């Protein structure tokens, strides 16, 4: 039965990773968040930005899909009550199974990327597939840590939910402003046209990235601190989601002058995003969370008071001394059994003599 349960967990890890990758890419393509080809009439910088943004999203989607698949498979298996090496091997198996499922990202990215027109690149679909594969490998590494510390998994999942919500908001804002459907940048939303800006940083977008990383880093680590999980895992959990964003931007490497300003700002802000998320989780690890309280229906612990009874044996008849009474009974019911020596027992026949 155990082997059957483990096989089911491995299958769930593969399916969960594949479904997560397909759902994310379907959402991205359906809403125009991921667009390998920029709409007609856009500038060269916007067109180049669409290619870089799609590569960033591909890396992010592949990595997060592996983490989600590994967590789902591990939770389905329950608590593996075995030795340390067995648990480590099980986590590796779960991460590898999720990696296999997340490989569906490669064809789902490479096929639409064939329509992209990149200068000095005659096979853009191969390059897009390489980025998706790099994201799968990155997700494998992060999944191993996520299975060790639940706070890391919580941070990745919370970061994914926030980034997709932000991307949908950015697309809806573009439609409401009359710009039509357009791609969205990972982790940034340009909601002002005139800045303010400082050097290569779009100030509102940078503050949004840093504030979200700090808040998610603290909130996702708070339940783990309340459960009393390991402090090291809680402290580093805030860097998990922002680290995936930073590596995705580093791999895409948008060029100055060939990408929109908000994309370059996100590229330069992403490393500081890791520090902000780490600050939030470290703060929770130091302060600690709210400890879990016992259920109100659980019986209260009963305090046991030791009671010492002094029984004095008579010197001649082996009886007891009535001048040394037992201590008063406590509030709790006490049942005791006394053993009287045979020589001191009263014979009922003596009463009739």
C-alpha atoms as a PDB file:
ATOM      1  CA  UNK A   1       0.000   0.000   0.000  1.00  0.00           C
ATOM      2  CA  UNK A   2       2.870   2.362   0.734  1.00  0.00           C
ATOM      3  CA  UNK A   3       4.361   1.815  -2.706  1.00  0.00           C
ATOM      4  CA  UNK A   4       0.986   2.444  -4.301  1.00  0.00           C
ATOM      5  CA  UNK A   5       0.655   5.703  -2.359  1.00  0.00           C
ATOM      6  CA  UNK A   6       4.119   6.833  -3.364  1.00  0.00           C
ATOM      7  CA  UNK A   7       3.437   6.044  -7.017  1.00  0.00           C
ATOM      8  CA  UNK A   8       0.257   8.106  -6.829  1.00  0.00           C
ATOM      9  CA  UNK A   9       2.179  11.016  -5.285  1.00  0.00           C
ATOM     10  CA  UNK A  10       4.807  10.890  -8.038  1.00  0.00           C
ATOM     11  CA  UNK A  11       2.081  10.898 -10.689  1.00  0.00           C
ATOM     12  CA  UNK A  12       0.374  13.826  -8.992  1.00  0.00           C
ATOM     13  CA  UNK A  13       3.647  15.767  -8.962  1.00  0.00           C
ATOM     14  CA  UNK A  14       4.061  15.253 -12.719  1.00  0.00           C
ATOM     15  CA  UNK A  15       0.469  16.181 -13.504  1.00  0.00           C
ATOM     16  CA  UNK A  16       0.401  19.175 -11.149  1.00  0.00           C
ATOM     17  CA  UNK A  17       3.541  20.669 -12.710  1.00  0.00           C
ATOM     18  CA  UNK A  18       2.249  20.123 -16.251  1.00  0.00           C
ATOM     19  CA  UNK A  19      -1.180  21.567 -15.461  1.00  0.00           C
ATOM     20  CA  UNK A  20       0.331  24.569 -13.678  1.00  0.00           C
ATOM     21  CA  UNK A  21       2.619  25.351 -16.609  1.00  0.00           C
ATOM     22  CA  UNK A  22      -0.205  24.967 -19.133  1.00  0.00           C
ATOM     23  CA  UNK A  23      -2.579  27.100 -17.077  1.00  0.00           C
ATOM     24  CA  UNK A  24      -0.071  29.907 -16.616  1.00  0.00           C
ATOM     25  CA  UNK A  25       0.901  30.014 -20.280  1.00  0.00           C
ATOM     26  CA  UNK A  26      -2.744  29.771 -21.315  1.00  0.00           C
ATOM     27  CA  UNK A  27      -3.552  32.735 -19.109  1.00  0.00           C
ATOM     28  CA  UNK A  28      -0.578  34.652 -20.450  1.00  0.00           C
ATOM     29  CA  UNK A  29      -1.378  34.012 -24.101  1.00  0.00           C
ATOM     30  CA  UNK A  30      -5.115  34.505 -23.676  1.00  0.00           C
ATOM     31  CA  UNK A  31      -4.832  37.926 -22.034  1.00  0.00           C
ATOM     32  CA  UNK A  32      -1.888  39.049 -24.135  1.00  0.00           C
ATOM     33  CA  UNK A  33       0.431  39.198 -21.132  1.00  0.00           C
ATOM     34  CA  UNK A  34       2.952  37.046 -23.011  1.00  0.00           C
ATOM     35  CA  UNK A  35       3.360  38.190 -26.612  1.00  0.00           C
ATOM     36  CA  UNK A  36       6.267  37.040 -28.758  1.00  0.00           C
ATOM     37  CA  UNK A  37       5.273  39.492 -31.476  1.00  0.00           C
ATOM     38  CA  UNK A  38       4.401  43.085 -30.605  1.00  0.00           C
ATOM     39  CA  UNK A  39       1.244  44.601 -32.126  1.00  0.00           C
ATOM     40  CA  UNK A  40       1.575  46.422 -35.421  1.00  0.00           C
ATOM     41  CA  UNK A  41       2.525  50.066 -35.251  1.00  0.00           C
ATOM     42  CA  UNK A  42       4.596  49.775 -32.082  1.00  0.00           C
ATOM     43  CA  UNK A  43       8.087  51.199 -31.797  1.00  0.00           C
ATOM     44  CA  UNK A  44      11.263  49.157 -32.068  1.00  0.00           C
ATOM     45  CA  UNK A  45      11.859  49.465 -28.322  1.00  0.00           C
ATOM     46  CA  UNK A  46       8.403  48.102 -27.551  1.00  0.00           C
ATOM     47  CA  UNK A  47       8.898  45.222 -29.986  1.00  0.00           C
ATOM     48  CA  UNK A  48      12.243  44.354 -28.423  1.00  0.00           C
ATOM     49  CA  UNK A  49      10.666  44.663 -25.013  1.00  0.00           C
ATOM     50  CA  UNK A  50       7.957  42.167 -25.964  1.00  0.00           C
ATOM     51  CA  UNK A  51      10.616  39.574 -26.808  1.00  0.00           C
ATOM     52  CA  UNK A  52      12.561  40.158 -23.563  1.00  0.00           C
ATOM     53  CA  UNK A  53       9.400  40.180 -21.470  1.00  0.00           C
ATOM     54  CA  UNK A  54       8.261  36.884 -23.000  1.00  0.00           C
ATOM     55  CA  UNK A  55      11.604  35.270 -22.233  1.00  0.00           C
ATOM     56  CA  UNK A  56      11.340  36.502 -18.643  1.00  0.00           C
ATOM     57  CA  UNK A  57       7.832  35.121 -18.264  1.00  0.00           C
ATOM     58  CA  UNK A  58       8.870  31.773 -19.784  1.00  0.00           C
ATOM     59  CA  UNK A  59      11.662  31.334 -17.270  1.00  0.00           C
ATOM     60  CA  UNK A  60       9.398  32.323 -14.394  1.00  0.00           C
ATOM     61  CA  UNK A  61       6.516  30.058 -15.467  1.00  0.00           C
ATOM     62  CA  UNK A  62       8.774  27.030 -15.861  1.00  0.00           C
ATOM     63  CA  UNK A  63      10.418  27.534 -12.459  1.00  0.00           C
ATOM     64  CA  UNK A  64       7.214  28.086 -10.508  1.00  0.00           C
ATOM     65  CA  UNK A  65       5.534  25.097 -12.167  1.00  0.00           C
ATOM     66  CA  UNK A  66       8.240  22.785 -10.840  1.00  0.00           C
ATOM     67  CA  UNK A  67       7.831  24.145  -7.312  1.00  0.00           C
ATOM     68  CA  UNK A  68       4.040  23.788  -7.390  1.00  0.00           C
ATOM     69  CA  UNK A  69       4.206  20.237  -8.738  1.00  0.00           C
ATOM     70  CA  UNK A  70       6.752  19.138  -6.129  1.00  0.00           C
ATOM     71  CA  UNK A  71       4.742  20.644  -3.265  1.00  0.00           C
ATOM     72  CA  UNK A  72       1.488  19.016  -4.440  1.00  0.00           C
ATOM     73  CA  UNK A  73       3.110  15.601  -4.740  1.00  0.00           C
ATOM     74  CA  UNK A  74       4.795  15.886  -1.366  1.00  0.00           C
ATOM     75  CA  UNK A  75       1.600  16.964   0.401  1.00  0.00           C
ATOM     76  CA  UNK A  76      -0.303  14.083  -1.189  1.00  0.00           C
ATOM     77  CA  UNK A  77       2.185  11.598   0.249  1.00  0.00           C
ATOM     78  CA  UNK A  78       1.718  12.929   3.770  1.00  0.00           C
ATOM     79  CA  UNK A  79       4.429  12.694   6.397  1.00  0.00           C
ATOM     80  CA  UNK A  80       7.084  10.184   5.398  1.00  0.00           C
ATOM     81  CA  UNK A  81       7.935   8.483   8.686  1.00  0.00           C
ATOM     82  CA  UNK A  82      11.347   7.138   7.741  1.00  0.00           C
ATOM     83  CA  UNK A  83      14.978   7.908   8.259  1.00  0.00           C
ATOM     84  CA  UNK A  84      16.710  11.097   7.283  1.00  0.00           C
ATOM     85  CA  UNK A  85      18.219   9.732   4.080  1.00  0.00           C
ATOM     86  CA  UNK A  86      14.873   8.307   2.980  1.00  0.00           C
ATOM     87  CA  UNK A  87      13.229  11.710   3.420  1.00  0.00           C
ATOM     88  CA  UNK A  88      15.992  13.400   1.426  1.00  0.00           C
ATOM     89  CA  UNK A  89      15.668  10.830  -1.340  1.00  0.00           C
ATOM     90  CA  UNK A  90      11.909  11.320  -1.364  1.00  0.00           C
ATOM     91  CA  UNK A  91      12.274  15.073  -1.813  1.00  0.00           C
ATOM     92  CA  UNK A  92      14.644  14.534  -4.709  1.00  0.00           C
ATOM     93  CA  UNK A  93      12.172  12.150  -6.324  1.00  0.00           C
ATOM     94  CA  UNK A  94       9.342  14.661  -5.937  1.00  0.00           C
ATOM     95  CA  UNK A  95      11.430  17.469  -7.421  1.00  0.00           C
ATOM     96  CA  UNK A  96      12.500  15.325 -10.369  1.00  0.00           C
ATOM     97  CA  UNK A  97       8.929  14.197 -11.011  1.00  0.00           C
ATOM     98  CA  UNK A  98       7.751  17.809 -11.035  1.00  0.00           C
ATOM     99  CA  UNK A  99      10.617  18.681 -13.355  1.00  0.00           C
ATOM    100  CA  UNK A 100       9.402  16.090 -15.857  1.00  0.00           C
ATOM    101  CA  UNK A 101       5.929  17.558 -15.768  1.00  0.00           C
ATOM    102  CA  UNK A 102       7.169  21.140 -16.154  1.00  0.00           C
ATOM    103  CA  UNK A 103       9.042  20.219 -19.342  1.00  0.00           C
ATOM    104  CA  UNK A 104       5.746  20.749 -21.130  1.00  0.00           C
ATOM    105  CA  UNK A 105       6.688  24.427 -20.927  1.00  0.00           C
ATOM    106  CA  UNK A 106       9.365  23.955 -23.582  1.00  0.00           C
ATOM    107  CA  UNK A 107       7.056  23.130 -26.556  1.00  0.00           C
ATOM    108  CA  UNK A 108       4.376  25.520 -25.311  1.00  0.00           C
ATOM    109  CA  UNK A 109       6.956  28.299 -25.460  1.00  0.00           C
ATOM    110  CA  UNK A 110       8.965  27.262 -28.512  1.00  0.00           C
ATOM    111  CA  UNK A 111       6.056  26.827 -30.916  1.00  0.00           C
ATOM    112  CA  UNK A 112       4.555  30.343 -30.525  1.00  0.00           C
ATOM    113  CA  UNK A 113       8.063  31.865 -30.498  1.00  0.00           C
ATOM    114  CA  UNK A 114       8.596  30.845 -34.122  1.00  0.00           C
ATOM    115  CA  UNK A 115       6.611  33.915 -35.169  1.00  0.00           C
ATOM    116  CA  UNK A 116       9.061  36.279 -33.498  1.00  0.00           C
ATOM    117  CA  UNK A 117      11.416  38.262 -35.709  1.00  0.00           C
ATOM    118  CA  UNK A 118      14.722  38.862 -33.963  1.00  0.00           C
ATOM    119  CA  UNK A 119      17.715  40.499 -35.587  1.00  0.00           C
ATOM    120  CA  UNK A 120      20.660  38.115 -36.109  1.00  0.00           C
ATOM    121  CA  UNK A 121      18.603  35.202 -34.836  1.00  0.00           C
ATOM    122  CA  UNK A 122      17.159  32.762 -37.354  1.00  0.00           C
ATOM    123  CA  UNK A 123      15.849  30.281 -34.775  1.00  0.00           C
ATOM    124  CA  UNK A 124      14.057  32.247 -32.041  1.00  0.00           C
ATOM    125  CA  UNK A 125      12.032  29.197 -31.046  1.00  0.00           C
ATOM    126  CA  UNK A 126      15.208  27.338 -30.080  1.00  0.00           C
ATOM    127  CA  UNK A 127      16.339  30.242 -27.935  1.00  0.00           C
ATOM    128  CA  UNK A 128      12.937  30.450 -26.255  1.00  0.00           C
ATOM    129  CA  UNK A 129      13.071  26.703 -25.565  1.00  0.00           C
ATOM    130  CA  UNK A 130      16.491  27.106 -23.955  1.00  0.00           C
ATOM    131  CA  UNK A 131      15.149  29.787 -21.623  1.00  0.00           C
ATOM    132  CA  UNK A 132      12.228  27.554 -20.645  1.00  0.00           C
ATOM    133  CA  UNK A 133      14.635  24.690 -19.970  1.00  0.00           C
ATOM    134  CA  UNK A 134      16.769  26.974 -17.810  1.00  0.00           C
ATOM    135  CA  UNK A 135      13.647  27.883 -15.852  1.00  0.00           C
ATOM    136  CA  UNK A 136      12.885  24.187 -15.278  1.00  0.00           C
ATOM    137  CA  UNK A 137      16.389  23.604 -13.914  1.00  0.00           C
ATOM    138  CA  UNK A 138      16.056  26.657 -11.694  1.00  0.00           C
ATOM    139  CA  UNK A 139      12.728  25.397 -10.413  1.00  0.00           C
ATOM    140  CA  UNK A 140      14.279  22.017  -9.593  1.00  0.00           C
ATOM    141  CA  UNK A 141      16.807  23.677  -7.299  1.00  0.00           C
ATOM    142  CA  UNK A 142      14.232  25.879  -5.581  1.00  0.00           C
ATOM    143  CA  UNK A 143      11.818  22.935  -5.201  1.00  0.00           C
ATOM    144  CA  UNK A 144      14.379  21.014  -3.147  1.00  0.00           C
ATOM    145  CA  UNK A 145      14.511  23.891  -0.673  1.00  0.00           C
ATOM    146  CA  UNK A 146      10.721  24.357  -0.786  1.00  0.00           C
ATOM    147  CA  UNK A 147      10.197  20.738   0.264  1.00  0.00           C
ATOM    148  CA  UNK A 148      12.587  21.244   3.169  1.00  0.00           C
ATOM    149  CA  UNK A 149      11.020  24.472   4.495  1.00  0.00           C
ATOM    150  CA  UNK A 150       7.313  25.103   4.059  1.00  0.00           C
ATOM    151  CA  UNK A 151       7.854  28.860   4.354  1.00  0.00           C
ATOM    152  CA  UNK A 152       9.861  28.823   1.098  1.00  0.00           C
ATOM    153  CA  UNK A 153       7.042  27.068  -0.741  1.00  0.00           C
ATOM    154  CA  UNK A 154       4.546  29.540   0.687  1.00  0.00           C
ATOM    155  CA  UNK A 155       6.648  32.473  -0.508  1.00  0.00           C
ATOM    156  CA  UNK A 156       6.896  31.129  -4.073  1.00  0.00           C
ATOM    157  CA  UNK A 157       3.158  30.480  -4.257  1.00  0.00           C
ATOM    158  CA  UNK A 158       2.272  33.880  -2.801  1.00  0.00           C
ATOM    159  CA  UNK A 159       4.704  35.624  -5.156  1.00  0.00           C
ATOM    160  CA  UNK A 160       3.212  33.819  -8.162  1.00  0.00           C
ATOM    161  CA  UNK A 161      -0.303  34.849  -7.175  1.00  0.00           C
ATOM    162  CA  UNK A 162       0.735  38.461  -6.731  1.00  0.00           C
ATOM    163  CA  UNK A 163       2.672  38.710 -10.013  1.00  0.00           C
ATOM    164  CA  UNK A 164      -0.160  37.288 -12.082  1.00  0.00           C
ATOM    165  CA  UNK A 165      -2.631  39.597 -10.372  1.00  0.00           C
ATOM    166  CA  UNK A 166      -0.378  42.566 -11.109  1.00  0.00           C
ATOM    167  CA  UNK A 167      -0.023  41.525 -14.753  1.00  0.00           C
ATOM    168  CA  UNK A 168      -3.791  41.247 -15.172  1.00  0.00           C
ATOM    169  CA  UNK A 169      -4.225  44.687 -13.607  1.00  0.00           C
ATOM    170  CA  UNK A 170      -1.651  46.129 -16.019  1.00  0.00           C
ATOM    171  CA  UNK A 171      -3.444  44.629 -19.037  1.00  0.00           C
ATOM    172  CA  UNK A 172      -6.854  45.837 -17.854  1.00  0.00           C
ATOM    173  CA  UNK A 173      -5.397  49.306 -17.290  1.00  0.00           C
ATOM    174  CA  UNK A 174      -4.063  49.343 -20.839  1.00  0.00           C
ATOM    175  CA  UNK A 175      -7.458  48.394 -22.253  1.00  0.00           C
ATOM    176  CA  UNK A 176      -9.201  51.022 -20.107  1.00  0.00           C
ATOM    177  CA  UNK A 177      -6.738  53.664 -21.304  1.00  0.00           C
ATOM    178  CA  UNK A 178      -7.495  52.856 -24.946  1.00  0.00           C
ATOM    179  CA  UNK A 179      -4.149  51.220 -25.721  1.00  0.00           C
ATOM    180  CA  UNK A 180      -5.742  47.825 -26.374  1.00  0.00           C
ATOM    181  CA  UNK A 181      -4.325  44.468 -25.370  1.00  0.00           C
ATOM    182  CA  UNK A 182      -0.591  44.533 -24.850  1.00  0.00           C
ATOM    183  CA  UNK A 183       2.026  42.477 -23.129  1.00  0.00           C
ATOM    184  CA  UNK A 184       2.879  43.030 -19.476  1.00  0.00           C
ATOM    185  CA  UNK A 185       6.240  43.124 -17.762  1.00  0.00           C
ATOM    186  CA  UNK A 186       7.059  40.684 -15.010  1.00  0.00           C
ATOM    187  CA  UNK A 187       6.664  42.220 -11.509  1.00  0.00           C
ATOM    188  CA  UNK A 188       6.248  45.824 -12.689  1.00  0.00           C
ATOM    189  CA  UNK A 189       3.338  48.016 -13.766  1.00  0.00           C
ATOM    190  CA  UNK A 190       3.803  51.415 -15.356  1.00  0.00           C
ATOM    191  CA  UNK A 191       0.736  53.229 -14.043  1.00  0.00           C
ATOM    192  CA  UNK A 192       2.077  56.773 -14.590  1.00  0.00           C
ATOM    193  CA  UNK A 193       3.215  58.235 -17.893  1.00  0.00           C
ATOM    194  CA  UNK A 194       5.528  60.944 -16.623  1.00  0.00           C
ATOM    195  CA  UNK A 195       7.533  59.160 -13.992  1.00  0.00           C
ATOM    196  CA  UNK A 196       8.948  60.169 -11.574  1.00  0.00           C
ATOM    197  CA  UNK A 197      12.245  58.540 -12.430  1.00  0.00           C
ATOM    198  CA  UNK A 198      15.742  58.484 -11.039  1.00  0.00           C
ATOM    199  CA  UNK A 199      18.539  57.335 -13.291  1.00  0.00           C
ATOM    200  CA  UNK A 200      17.383  53.948 -14.616  1.00  0.00           C
ATOM    201  CA  UNK A 201      14.692  53.454 -11.961  1.00  0.00           C
ATOM    202  CA  UNK A 202      10.998  54.043 -12.466  1.00  0.00           C
ATOM    203  CA  UNK A 203      10.258  55.141  -8.896  1.00  0.00           C
ATOM    204  CA  UNK A 204       6.589  54.034  -8.568  1.00  0.00           C
ATOM    205  CA  UNK A 205       7.319  50.658 -10.122  1.00  0.00           C
ATOM    206  CA  UNK A 206      10.438  50.134  -8.025  1.00  0.00           C
ATOM    207  CA  UNK A 207       8.596  50.988  -4.806  1.00  0.00           C
ATOM    208  CA  UNK A 208       5.812  48.605  -5.780  1.00  0.00           C
ATOM    209  CA  UNK A 209       8.298  45.783  -6.358  1.00  0.00           C
ATOM    210  CA  UNK A 210      10.180  46.377  -3.113  1.00  0.00           C
ATOM    211  CA  UNK A 211       7.066  46.860  -0.995  1.00  0.00           C
ATOM    212  CA  UNK A 212       5.393  43.729  -2.358  1.00  0.00           C
ATOM    213  CA  UNK A 213       8.525  41.651  -1.764  1.00  0.00           C
ATOM    214  CA  UNK A 214       8.827  42.919   1.802  1.00  0.00           C
ATOM    215  CA  UNK A 215       5.157  42.308   2.594  1.00  0.00           C
ATOM    216  CA  UNK A 216       4.989  38.855   0.985  1.00  0.00           C
ATOM    217  CA  UNK A 217       8.251  37.856   2.633  1.00  0.00           C
ATOM    218  CA  UNK A 218       6.856  38.639   6.063  1.00  0.00           C
ATOM    219  CA  UNK A 219       3.319  37.332   5.614  1.00  0.00           C
ATOM    220  CA  UNK A 220       4.328  34.030   4.019  1.00  0.00           C
ATOM    221  CA  UNK A 221       6.825  33.351   6.811  1.00  0.00           C
ATOM    222  CA  UNK A 222       4.421  34.245   9.628  1.00  0.00           C
ATOM    223  CA  UNK A 223       2.444  30.956   9.725  1.00  0.00           C
ATOM    224  CA  UNK A 224       5.660  28.923   9.736  1.00  0.00           C
ATOM    225  CA  UNK A 225       6.946  30.951  12.672  1.00  0.00           C
ATOM    226  CA  UNK A 226       3.701  30.289  14.531  1.00  0.00           C
ATOM    227  CA  UNK A 227       4.077  26.547  13.937  1.00  0.00           C
ATOM    228  CA  UNK A 228       7.599  26.647  15.319  1.00  0.00           C
ATOM    229  CA  UNK A 229       9.361  25.615  12.101  1.00  0.00           C
ATOM    230  CA  UNK A 230      13.111  25.921  11.676  1.00  0.00           C
ATOM    231  CA  UNK A 231      14.345  29.491  11.987  1.00  0.00           C
ATOM    232  CA  UNK A 232      16.825  29.161   9.143  1.00  0.00           C
ATOM    233  CA  UNK A 233      14.140  28.150   6.660  1.00  0.00           C
ATOM    234  CA  UNK A 234      11.880  30.958   7.841  1.00  0.00           C
ATOM    235  CA  UNK A 235      14.668  33.537   7.605  1.00  0.00           C
ATOM    236  CA  UNK A 236      15.652  32.727   4.009  1.00  0.00           C
ATOM    237  CA  UNK A 237      12.117  32.098   2.732  1.00  0.00           C
ATOM    238  CA  UNK A 238      11.528  35.715   1.767  1.00  0.00           C
ATOM    239  CA  UNK A 239      14.215  35.561  -0.915  1.00  0.00           C
ATOM    240  CA  UNK A 240      12.721  32.585  -2.810  1.00  0.00           C
ATOM    241  CA  UNK A 241      10.104  34.278  -4.994  1.00  0.00           C
ATOM    242  CA  UNK A 242      12.109  37.484  -5.644  1.00  0.00           C
ATOM    243  CA  UNK A 243      15.154  35.372  -6.515  1.00  0.00           C
ATOM    244  CA  UNK A 244      13.229  33.675  -9.313  1.00  0.00           C
ATOM    245  CA  UNK A 245      12.246  37.096 -10.653  1.00  0.00           C
ATOM    246  CA  UNK A 246      15.818  38.383 -10.469  1.00  0.00           C
ATOM    247  CA  UNK A 247      17.300  35.359 -12.242  1.00  0.00           C
ATOM    248  CA  UNK A 248      14.618  35.538 -14.936  1.00  0.00           C
ATOM    249  CA  UNK A 249      15.539  39.153 -15.633  1.00  0.00           C
ATOM    250  CA  UNK A 250      19.263  38.420 -15.575  1.00  0.00           C
ATOM    251  CA  UNK A 251      18.826  35.633 -18.135  1.00  0.00           C
ATOM    252  CA  UNK A 252      16.632  37.774 -20.397  1.00  0.00           C
ATOM    253  CA  UNK A 253      19.100  40.687 -20.079  1.00  0.00           C
ATOM    254  CA  UNK A 254      17.140  43.531 -21.730  1.00  0.00           C
ATOM    255  CA  UNK A 255      19.418  46.039 -23.429  1.00  0.00           C
ATOM    256  CA  UNK A 256      19.454  49.735 -22.653  1.00  0.00           C
ATOM    257  CA  UNK A 257      17.799  51.658 -25.480  1.00  0.00           C
ATOM    258  CA  UNK A 258      16.195  48.503 -26.926  1.00  0.00           C
ATOM    259  CA  UNK A 259      13.595  47.934 -24.209  1.00  0.00           C
ATOM    260  CA  UNK A 260      10.940  50.074 -22.512  1.00  0.00           C
ATOM    261  CA  UNK A 261      11.985  52.163 -19.549  1.00  0.00           C
ATOM    262  CA  UNK A 262       9.856  50.261 -17.015  1.00  0.00           C
ATOM    263  CA  UNK A 263      11.444  46.992 -18.111  1.00  0.00           C
ATOM    264  CA  UNK A 264      14.939  48.331 -17.559  1.00  0.00           C
ATOM    265  CA  UNK A 265      13.817  49.648 -14.194  1.00  0.00           C
ATOM    266  CA  UNK A 266      12.521  46.186 -13.216  1.00  0.00           C
ATOM    267  CA  UNK A 267      15.789  44.654 -14.405  1.00  0.00           C
ATOM    268  CA  UNK A 268      17.815  46.904 -12.100  1.00  0.00           C
ATOM    269  CA  UNK A 269      15.352  46.700  -9.187  1.00  0.00           C
ATOM    270  CA  UNK A 270      15.055  42.887  -9.114  1.00  0.00           C
ATOM    271  CA  UNK A 271      18.261  42.291  -7.061  1.00  0.00           C
ATOM    272  CA  UNK A 272      17.077  44.760  -4.422  1.00  0.00           C
ATOM    273  CA  UNK A 273      13.756  42.956  -4.458  1.00  0.00           C
ATOM    274  CA  UNK A 274      15.563  39.879  -3.122  1.00  0.00           C
ATOM    275  CA  UNK A 275      16.953  41.908  -0.223  1.00  0.00           C
ATOM    276  CA  UNK A 276      13.526  43.366   0.554  1.00  0.00           C
ATOM    277  CA  UNK A 277      11.915  39.942   0.699  1.00  0.00           C
ATOM    278  CA  UNK A 278      14.757  38.640   2.829  1.00  0.00           C
ATOM    279  CA  UNK A 279      14.310  41.545   5.240  1.00  0.00           C
ATOM    280  CA  UNK A 280      10.645  40.673   5.725  1.00  0.00           C
ATOM    281  CA  UNK A 281      11.273  36.992   6.488  1.00  0.00           C
ATOM    282  CA  UNK A 282      14.269  37.678   8.730  1.00  0.00           C
ATOM    283  CA  UNK A 283      12.189  40.100  10.766  1.00  0.00           C
ATOM    284  CA  UNK A 284       9.516  37.441  11.288  1.00  0.00           C
ATOM    285  CA  UNK A 285      12.153  34.826  12.148  1.00  0.00           C
ATOM    286  CA  UNK A 286      13.654  37.102  14.802  1.00  0.00           C
ATOM    287  CA  UNK A 287      10.405  38.318  16.320  1.00  0.00           C
ATOM    288  CA  UNK A 288       8.503  35.059  15.888  1.00  0.00           C
ATOM    289  CA  UNK A 289       4.881  34.400  15.058  1.00  0.00           C
ATOM    290  CA  UNK A 290       1.818  33.757  17.142  1.00  0.00           C
ATOM    291  CA  UNK A 291       2.030  30.253  18.638  1.00  0.00           C
ATOM    292  CA  UNK A 292      -0.806  27.914  17.838  1.00  0.00           C
ATOM    293  CA  UNK A 293      -3.422  27.793  20.601  1.00  0.00           C
ATOM    294  CA  UNK A 294      -5.025  24.574  21.827  1.00  0.00           C
ATOM    295  CA  UNK A 295      -8.563  23.803  20.759  1.00  0.00           C
ATOM    296  CA  UNK A 296     -11.259  25.145  23.107  1.00  0.00           C
ATOM    297  CA  UNK A 297     -12.830  21.674  23.171  1.00  0.00           C
ATOM    298  CA  UNK A 298      -9.647  19.948  24.297  1.00  0.00           C
ATOM    299  CA  UNK A 299      -9.629  18.972  27.993  1.00  0.00           C
ATOM    300  CA  UNK A 300      -7.586  21.170  30.266  1.00  0.00           C
ATOM    301  CA  UNK A 301      -4.558  19.557  31.885  1.00  0.00           C
ATOM    302  CA  UNK A 302      -5.212  18.302  35.420  1.00  0.00           C
ATOM    303  CA  UNK A 303      -2.713  19.393  38.019  1.00  0.00           C
ATOM    304  CA  UNK A 304      -1.653  16.547  40.234  1.00  0.00           C
ATOM    305  CA  UNK A 305      -0.823  17.363  43.848  1.00  0.00           C
ATOM    306  CA  UNK A 306       1.276  14.809  45.679  1.00  0.00           C
ATOM    307  CA  UNK A 307      -0.312  13.696  48.944  1.00  0.00           C
ATOM    308  CA  UNK A 308       1.698  12.033  51.663  1.00  0.00           C
ATOM    309  CA  UNK A 309      -0.155   9.919  54.220  1.00  0.00           C
ATOM    310  CA  UNK A 310       1.502   9.200  57.522  1.00  0.00           C
ATOM    311  CA  UNK A 311       0.413   5.974  59.122  1.00  0.00           C
ATOM    312  CA  UNK A 312       1.938   5.111  62.463  1.00  0.00           C
ATOM    313  CA  UNK A 313       1.950   1.493  63.531  1.00  0.00           C
ATOM    314  CA  UNK A 314       1.287   0.735  67.176  1.00  0.00           C
ATOM    315  CA  UNK A 315       4.091  -0.891  69.076  1.00  0.00           C
ATOM    316  CA  UNK A 316       2.113  -3.617  70.853  1.00  0.00           C
ATOM    317  CA  UNK A 317      -0.938  -4.591  68.850  1.00  0.00           C
ATOM    318  CA  UNK A 318       0.314  -3.598  65.353  1.00  0.00           C
ATOM    319  CA  UNK A 319      -2.553  -1.134  64.922  1.00  0.00           C
ATOM    320  CA  UNK A 320      -2.425   2.443  63.937  1.00  0.00           C
ATOM    321  CA  UNK A 321      -2.230   5.595  65.983  1.00  0.00           C
ATOM    322  CA  UNK A 322      -5.412   7.606  65.761  1.00  0.00           C
ATOM    323  CA  UNK A 323      -3.597  10.705  66.954  1.00  0.00           C
ATOM    324  CA  UNK A 324      -1.912  11.027  63.576  1.00  0.00           C
ATOM    325  CA  UNK A 325      -4.806  11.524  61.191  1.00  0.00           C
ATOM    326  CA  UNK A 326      -4.481  11.552  57.468  1.00  0.00           C
ATOM    327  CA  UNK A 327      -4.291  14.968  55.755  1.00  0.00           C
ATOM    328  CA  UNK A 328      -7.458  16.508  54.518  1.00  0.00           C
ATOM    329  CA  UNK A 329      -8.609  15.327  51.115  1.00  0.00           C
ATOM    330  CA  UNK A 330      -7.803  17.544  48.173  1.00  0.00           C
ATOM    331  CA  UNK A 331     -10.350  18.972  45.777  1.00  0.00           C
ATOM    332  CA  UNK A 332      -9.792  16.156  43.306  1.00  0.00           C
ATOM    333  CA  UNK A 333     -11.183  12.667  43.954  1.00  0.00           C
ATOM    334  CA  UNK A 334      -8.569  10.255  45.304  1.00  0.00           C
ATOM    335  CA  UNK A 335      -8.975   6.504  45.587  1.00  0.00           C
ATOM    336  CA  UNK A 336      -6.481   4.609  47.742  1.00  0.00           C
ATOM    337  CA  UNK A 337      -6.123   1.063  49.006  1.00  0.00           C
ATOM    338  CA  UNK A 338      -4.538   0.375  52.374  1.00  0.00           C
ATOM    339  CA  UNK A 339      -2.847  -2.830  53.307  1.00  0.00           C
ATOM    340  CA  UNK A 340      -3.179  -3.875  56.983  1.00  0.00           C
ATOM    341  CA  UNK A 341      -0.774  -6.442  58.453  1.00  0.00           C
ATOM    342  CA  UNK A 342      -2.314  -9.813  59.297  1.00  0.00           C
ATOM    343  CA  UNK A 343      -1.385  -9.508  62.997  1.00  0.00           C
ATOM    344  CA  UNK A 344      -3.301  -6.261  63.296  1.00  0.00           C
ATOM    345  CA  UNK A 345      -6.478  -7.442  61.661  1.00  0.00           C
ATOM    346  CA  UNK A 346      -9.533  -7.697  63.951  1.00  0.00           C
ATOM    347  CA  UNK A 347     -11.170 -11.099  64.219  1.00  0.00           C
ATOM    348  CA  UNK A 348     -14.978 -10.819  64.116  1.00  0.00           C
ATOM    349  CA  UNK A 349     -15.193 -13.765  66.568  1.00  0.00           C
ATOM    350  CA  UNK A 350     -13.479 -11.705  69.264  1.00  0.00           C
ATOM    351  CA  UNK A 351     -16.427  -9.364  69.459  1.00  0.00           C
ATOM    352  CA  UNK A 352     -18.665 -12.191  70.732  1.00  0.00           C
ATOM    353  CA  UNK A 353     -16.280 -13.445  73.371  1.00  0.00           C
END
